[in-house]
N, C-alpha and C. Protein backbone atom coordinates (compact mmCIF):
# COMPACT_ATOMS: atom_id res chain seq x y z
N MET A 1 -88.07 192.22 -55.82
CA MET A 1 -87.85 190.81 -55.68
C MET A 1 -89.20 190.10 -55.60
N GLN A 2 -89.24 188.93 -56.17
CA GLN A 2 -90.47 188.16 -56.20
C GLN A 2 -90.44 187.07 -55.13
N ILE A 3 -91.57 186.89 -54.45
CA ILE A 3 -91.71 185.84 -53.46
C ILE A 3 -92.60 184.76 -54.04
N VAL A 4 -92.14 183.52 -53.96
CA VAL A 4 -92.91 182.37 -54.42
C VAL A 4 -93.45 181.66 -53.17
N VAL A 5 -94.72 181.30 -53.22
CA VAL A 5 -95.39 180.70 -52.06
C VAL A 5 -96.08 179.42 -52.49
N ARG A 6 -95.94 178.39 -51.67
CA ARG A 6 -96.71 177.16 -51.89
C ARG A 6 -97.56 176.92 -50.66
N LEU A 7 -98.87 176.89 -50.88
CA LEU A 7 -99.79 176.57 -49.81
C LEU A 7 -99.88 175.06 -49.68
N ARG A 8 -100.22 174.60 -48.51
CA ARG A 8 -100.39 173.15 -48.32
C ARG A 8 -101.46 172.66 -49.30
N VAL A 9 -101.21 171.54 -49.94
CA VAL A 9 -102.12 171.02 -50.95
C VAL A 9 -103.52 170.83 -50.39
N ASP A 10 -103.64 170.39 -49.13
CA ASP A 10 -104.96 170.23 -48.54
C ASP A 10 -105.62 171.58 -48.26
N GLY A 11 -104.86 172.67 -48.36
CA GLY A 11 -105.41 173.99 -48.11
C GLY A 11 -105.61 174.82 -49.36
N ALA A 12 -105.11 174.36 -50.51
CA ALA A 12 -105.23 175.14 -51.74
C ALA A 12 -106.31 174.53 -52.61
N HIS A 13 -107.23 175.34 -53.02
CA HIS A 13 -108.28 174.87 -53.92
C HIS A 13 -107.88 175.15 -55.35
N VAL A 14 -108.45 174.43 -56.27
CA VAL A 14 -108.11 174.57 -57.68
C VAL A 14 -108.35 176.00 -58.16
N GLN A 15 -109.31 176.69 -57.61
CA GLN A 15 -109.60 178.05 -58.04
C GLN A 15 -108.65 179.08 -57.43
N GLY A 16 -107.63 178.63 -56.71
CA GLY A 16 -106.65 179.55 -56.18
C GLY A 16 -106.98 180.12 -54.81
N GLY A 17 -107.99 179.57 -54.16
CA GLY A 17 -108.34 180.06 -52.84
C GLY A 17 -107.47 179.42 -51.78
N ILE A 18 -107.69 179.79 -50.57
CA ILE A 18 -106.97 179.22 -49.44
C ILE A 18 -107.98 178.40 -48.67
N GLY A 19 -107.61 177.22 -48.28
CA GLY A 19 -108.50 176.22 -47.68
C GLY A 19 -109.29 176.64 -46.47
N ASP A 20 -109.07 175.98 -45.35
CA ASP A 20 -109.90 176.15 -44.16
C ASP A 20 -109.97 177.59 -43.69
N THR A 21 -111.04 177.91 -42.97
CA THR A 21 -111.31 179.29 -42.55
C THR A 21 -110.18 179.85 -41.68
N ALA A 22 -109.68 179.07 -40.73
CA ALA A 22 -108.61 179.56 -39.85
C ALA A 22 -107.35 179.85 -40.66
N GLY A 23 -106.97 178.93 -41.54
CA GLY A 23 -105.79 179.14 -42.37
C GLY A 23 -105.96 180.32 -43.30
N ARG A 24 -107.14 180.45 -43.89
CA ARG A 24 -107.41 181.55 -44.80
C ARG A 24 -107.30 182.88 -44.08
N ALA A 25 -107.91 182.97 -42.92
CA ALA A 25 -107.89 184.22 -42.16
C ALA A 25 -106.47 184.60 -41.77
N GLU A 26 -105.69 183.61 -41.38
CA GLU A 26 -104.31 183.85 -40.97
C GLU A 26 -103.45 184.36 -42.13
N VAL A 27 -103.56 183.70 -43.29
CA VAL A 27 -102.79 184.11 -44.46
C VAL A 27 -103.25 185.48 -44.94
N GLU A 28 -104.55 185.68 -45.04
CA GLU A 28 -105.08 186.95 -45.52
C GLU A 28 -104.69 188.11 -44.61
N ALA A 29 -104.68 187.89 -43.30
CA ALA A 29 -104.29 188.94 -42.36
C ALA A 29 -102.82 189.33 -42.57
N LEU A 30 -101.98 188.33 -42.76
CA LEU A 30 -100.56 188.61 -42.99
C LEU A 30 -100.36 189.35 -44.31
N LEU A 31 -101.03 188.90 -45.36
CA LEU A 31 -100.91 189.56 -46.66
C LEU A 31 -101.37 191.01 -46.58
N GLN A 32 -102.47 191.24 -45.87
CA GLN A 32 -103.00 192.60 -45.71
C GLN A 32 -102.01 193.47 -44.93
N ARG A 33 -101.41 192.90 -43.91
CA ARG A 33 -100.44 193.64 -43.09
C ARG A 33 -99.28 194.17 -43.94
N PHE A 34 -98.85 193.38 -44.91
CA PHE A 34 -97.74 193.79 -45.76
C PHE A 34 -98.20 194.45 -47.06
N GLY A 35 -99.50 194.51 -47.31
CA GLY A 35 -100.03 195.16 -48.51
C GLY A 35 -99.73 194.40 -49.79
N VAL A 36 -99.77 193.07 -49.72
CA VAL A 36 -99.50 192.24 -50.90
C VAL A 36 -100.66 191.29 -51.12
N ALA A 37 -100.69 190.66 -52.29
CA ALA A 37 -101.74 189.70 -52.61
C ALA A 37 -101.14 188.48 -53.29
N LEU A 38 -101.78 187.34 -53.11
CA LEU A 38 -101.35 186.11 -53.79
C LEU A 38 -101.87 186.13 -55.22
N ILE A 39 -101.00 185.76 -56.14
CA ILE A 39 -101.37 185.62 -57.55
C ILE A 39 -101.03 184.19 -57.93
N PRO A 40 -101.99 183.43 -58.47
CA PRO A 40 -101.70 182.05 -58.85
C PRO A 40 -100.56 181.98 -59.86
N LEU A 41 -99.62 181.10 -59.64
CA LEU A 41 -98.51 180.88 -60.56
C LEU A 41 -99.00 180.13 -61.80
N HIS A 42 -100.00 179.27 -61.61
CA HIS A 42 -100.62 178.51 -62.70
C HIS A 42 -102.12 178.78 -62.65
N PRO A 43 -102.57 179.93 -63.17
CA PRO A 43 -103.94 180.39 -62.95
C PRO A 43 -105.05 179.44 -63.40
N ASN A 44 -104.83 178.67 -64.43
CA ASN A 44 -105.90 177.80 -64.93
C ASN A 44 -105.67 176.34 -64.59
N ALA A 45 -104.81 176.07 -63.64
CA ALA A 45 -104.48 174.69 -63.28
C ALA A 45 -105.66 173.99 -62.64
N THR A 46 -105.87 172.76 -63.02
CA THR A 46 -106.90 171.94 -62.38
C THR A 46 -106.26 170.93 -61.43
N ASP A 47 -104.95 170.78 -61.53
CA ASP A 47 -104.22 169.89 -60.64
C ASP A 47 -104.00 170.61 -59.31
N PRO A 48 -104.41 170.01 -58.18
CA PRO A 48 -104.27 170.68 -56.88
C PRO A 48 -102.83 171.06 -56.54
N THR A 49 -101.87 170.25 -56.98
CA THR A 49 -100.47 170.57 -56.68
C THR A 49 -100.05 171.85 -57.40
N LEU A 50 -100.36 171.95 -58.68
CA LEU A 50 -100.02 173.17 -59.42
C LEU A 50 -100.80 174.38 -58.90
N ALA A 51 -102.05 174.16 -58.51
CA ALA A 51 -102.89 175.25 -58.01
C ALA A 51 -102.44 175.77 -56.66
N SER A 52 -101.51 175.07 -56.01
CA SER A 52 -101.07 175.50 -54.68
C SER A 52 -99.89 176.47 -54.74
N TRP A 53 -99.38 176.77 -55.94
CA TRP A 53 -98.24 177.69 -56.11
C TRP A 53 -98.71 179.10 -56.44
N PHE A 54 -98.11 180.09 -55.77
CA PHE A 54 -98.47 181.49 -55.96
C PHE A 54 -97.21 182.36 -55.98
N VAL A 55 -97.36 183.57 -56.46
CA VAL A 55 -96.35 184.61 -56.30
C VAL A 55 -97.05 185.78 -55.61
N LEU A 56 -96.27 186.65 -55.01
CA LEU A 56 -96.85 187.82 -54.35
C LEU A 56 -96.76 189.03 -55.26
N SER A 57 -97.78 189.84 -55.24
CA SER A 57 -97.79 191.07 -56.01
C SER A 57 -97.17 192.21 -55.21
N ASP A 58 -96.49 193.09 -55.90
CA ASP A 58 -95.99 194.35 -55.32
C ASP A 58 -95.31 194.20 -53.97
N THR A 59 -94.29 193.36 -53.90
CA THR A 59 -93.55 193.19 -52.66
C THR A 59 -92.83 194.50 -52.32
N PRO A 60 -93.02 195.04 -51.12
CA PRO A 60 -92.36 196.29 -50.75
C PRO A 60 -90.83 196.14 -50.80
N PRO A 61 -90.13 197.12 -51.34
CA PRO A 61 -88.68 197.04 -51.44
C PRO A 61 -88.02 196.78 -50.08
N GLY A 62 -87.07 195.86 -50.07
CA GLY A 62 -86.31 195.57 -48.86
C GLY A 62 -87.02 194.71 -47.83
N ARG A 63 -88.24 194.26 -48.12
CA ARG A 63 -89.00 193.50 -47.13
C ARG A 63 -89.30 192.07 -47.56
N ALA A 64 -88.75 191.65 -48.69
CA ALA A 64 -89.06 190.33 -49.23
C ALA A 64 -88.70 189.21 -48.26
N GLU A 65 -87.51 189.24 -47.70
CA GLU A 65 -87.09 188.18 -46.77
C GLU A 65 -87.98 188.15 -45.54
N GLU A 66 -88.33 189.32 -45.03
CA GLU A 66 -89.20 189.41 -43.85
C GLU A 66 -90.58 188.81 -44.13
N ILE A 67 -91.14 189.11 -45.29
CA ILE A 67 -92.46 188.60 -45.66
C ILE A 67 -92.40 187.09 -45.85
N ALA A 68 -91.38 186.60 -46.55
CA ALA A 68 -91.23 185.16 -46.77
C ALA A 68 -91.11 184.43 -45.44
N ALA A 69 -90.33 184.96 -44.52
CA ALA A 69 -90.16 184.33 -43.21
C ALA A 69 -91.49 184.31 -42.45
N ALA A 70 -92.24 185.39 -42.51
CA ALA A 70 -93.54 185.45 -41.83
C ALA A 70 -94.50 184.42 -42.42
N LEU A 71 -94.50 184.28 -43.74
CA LEU A 71 -95.36 183.30 -44.38
C LEU A 71 -94.98 181.88 -43.97
N ARG A 72 -93.69 181.60 -43.91
CA ARG A 72 -93.24 180.27 -43.53
C ARG A 72 -93.69 179.89 -42.12
N GLY A 73 -93.98 180.85 -41.29
CA GLY A 73 -94.44 180.59 -39.93
C GLY A 73 -95.91 180.22 -39.83
N LEU A 74 -96.64 180.26 -40.95
CA LEU A 74 -98.07 179.94 -40.93
C LEU A 74 -98.30 178.47 -41.28
N ASP A 75 -99.25 177.84 -40.61
CA ASP A 75 -99.56 176.43 -40.86
C ASP A 75 -100.05 176.17 -42.28
N ALA A 76 -100.75 177.11 -42.88
CA ALA A 76 -101.31 176.91 -44.22
C ALA A 76 -100.25 177.02 -45.32
N VAL A 77 -99.06 177.48 -44.96
CA VAL A 77 -98.00 177.69 -45.95
C VAL A 77 -96.97 176.57 -45.84
N GLU A 78 -96.76 175.88 -46.95
CA GLU A 78 -95.77 174.81 -46.98
C GLU A 78 -94.37 175.37 -47.27
N ALA A 79 -94.30 176.39 -48.13
CA ALA A 79 -93.00 176.98 -48.48
C ALA A 79 -93.21 178.42 -48.92
N ALA A 80 -92.22 179.25 -48.65
CA ALA A 80 -92.20 180.63 -49.13
C ALA A 80 -90.74 181.03 -49.25
N TYR A 81 -90.37 181.51 -50.42
CA TYR A 81 -88.97 181.90 -50.61
C TYR A 81 -88.88 183.07 -51.58
N VAL A 82 -87.78 183.80 -51.44
CA VAL A 82 -87.51 184.91 -52.35
C VAL A 82 -86.83 184.32 -53.57
N GLN A 83 -87.41 184.58 -54.72
CA GLN A 83 -86.86 184.08 -55.98
C GLN A 83 -85.48 184.71 -56.19
N PRO A 84 -84.44 183.88 -56.34
CA PRO A 84 -83.10 184.44 -56.55
C PRO A 84 -83.02 185.21 -57.87
N ARG A 85 -82.16 186.19 -57.88
CA ARG A 85 -81.93 186.94 -59.12
C ARG A 85 -81.19 186.02 -60.11
N PRO A 86 -81.50 186.14 -61.39
CA PRO A 86 -80.80 185.32 -62.35
C PRO A 86 -79.30 185.66 -62.39
N ALA A 87 -78.48 184.66 -62.54
CA ALA A 87 -77.03 184.88 -62.63
C ALA A 87 -76.69 185.32 -64.06
N PRO A 88 -75.69 186.19 -64.19
CA PRO A 88 -75.29 186.59 -65.53
C PRO A 88 -74.77 185.39 -66.32
N ALA A 89 -75.02 185.41 -67.61
CA ALA A 89 -74.59 184.29 -68.46
C ALA A 89 -73.11 184.31 -68.74
């Protein structure tokens, strides 16, 4: 399952980094704890809003909801959700 993450616009830089030092350390510590990394959803975006969207790499099986909930608890994260599976046509 894929997790989509939106960092606060004031915390997301166009190059895909995480803003202030406290917010960055908090997000990076959580990502390291779960063994995942942020991947820019729009890697070459110059618009700060688009640059604030990410997906997580290699989400451990069965832990997507737990990781998304943990991310939502961080100040630097505006939204985090598990991407729903596509419905059959």
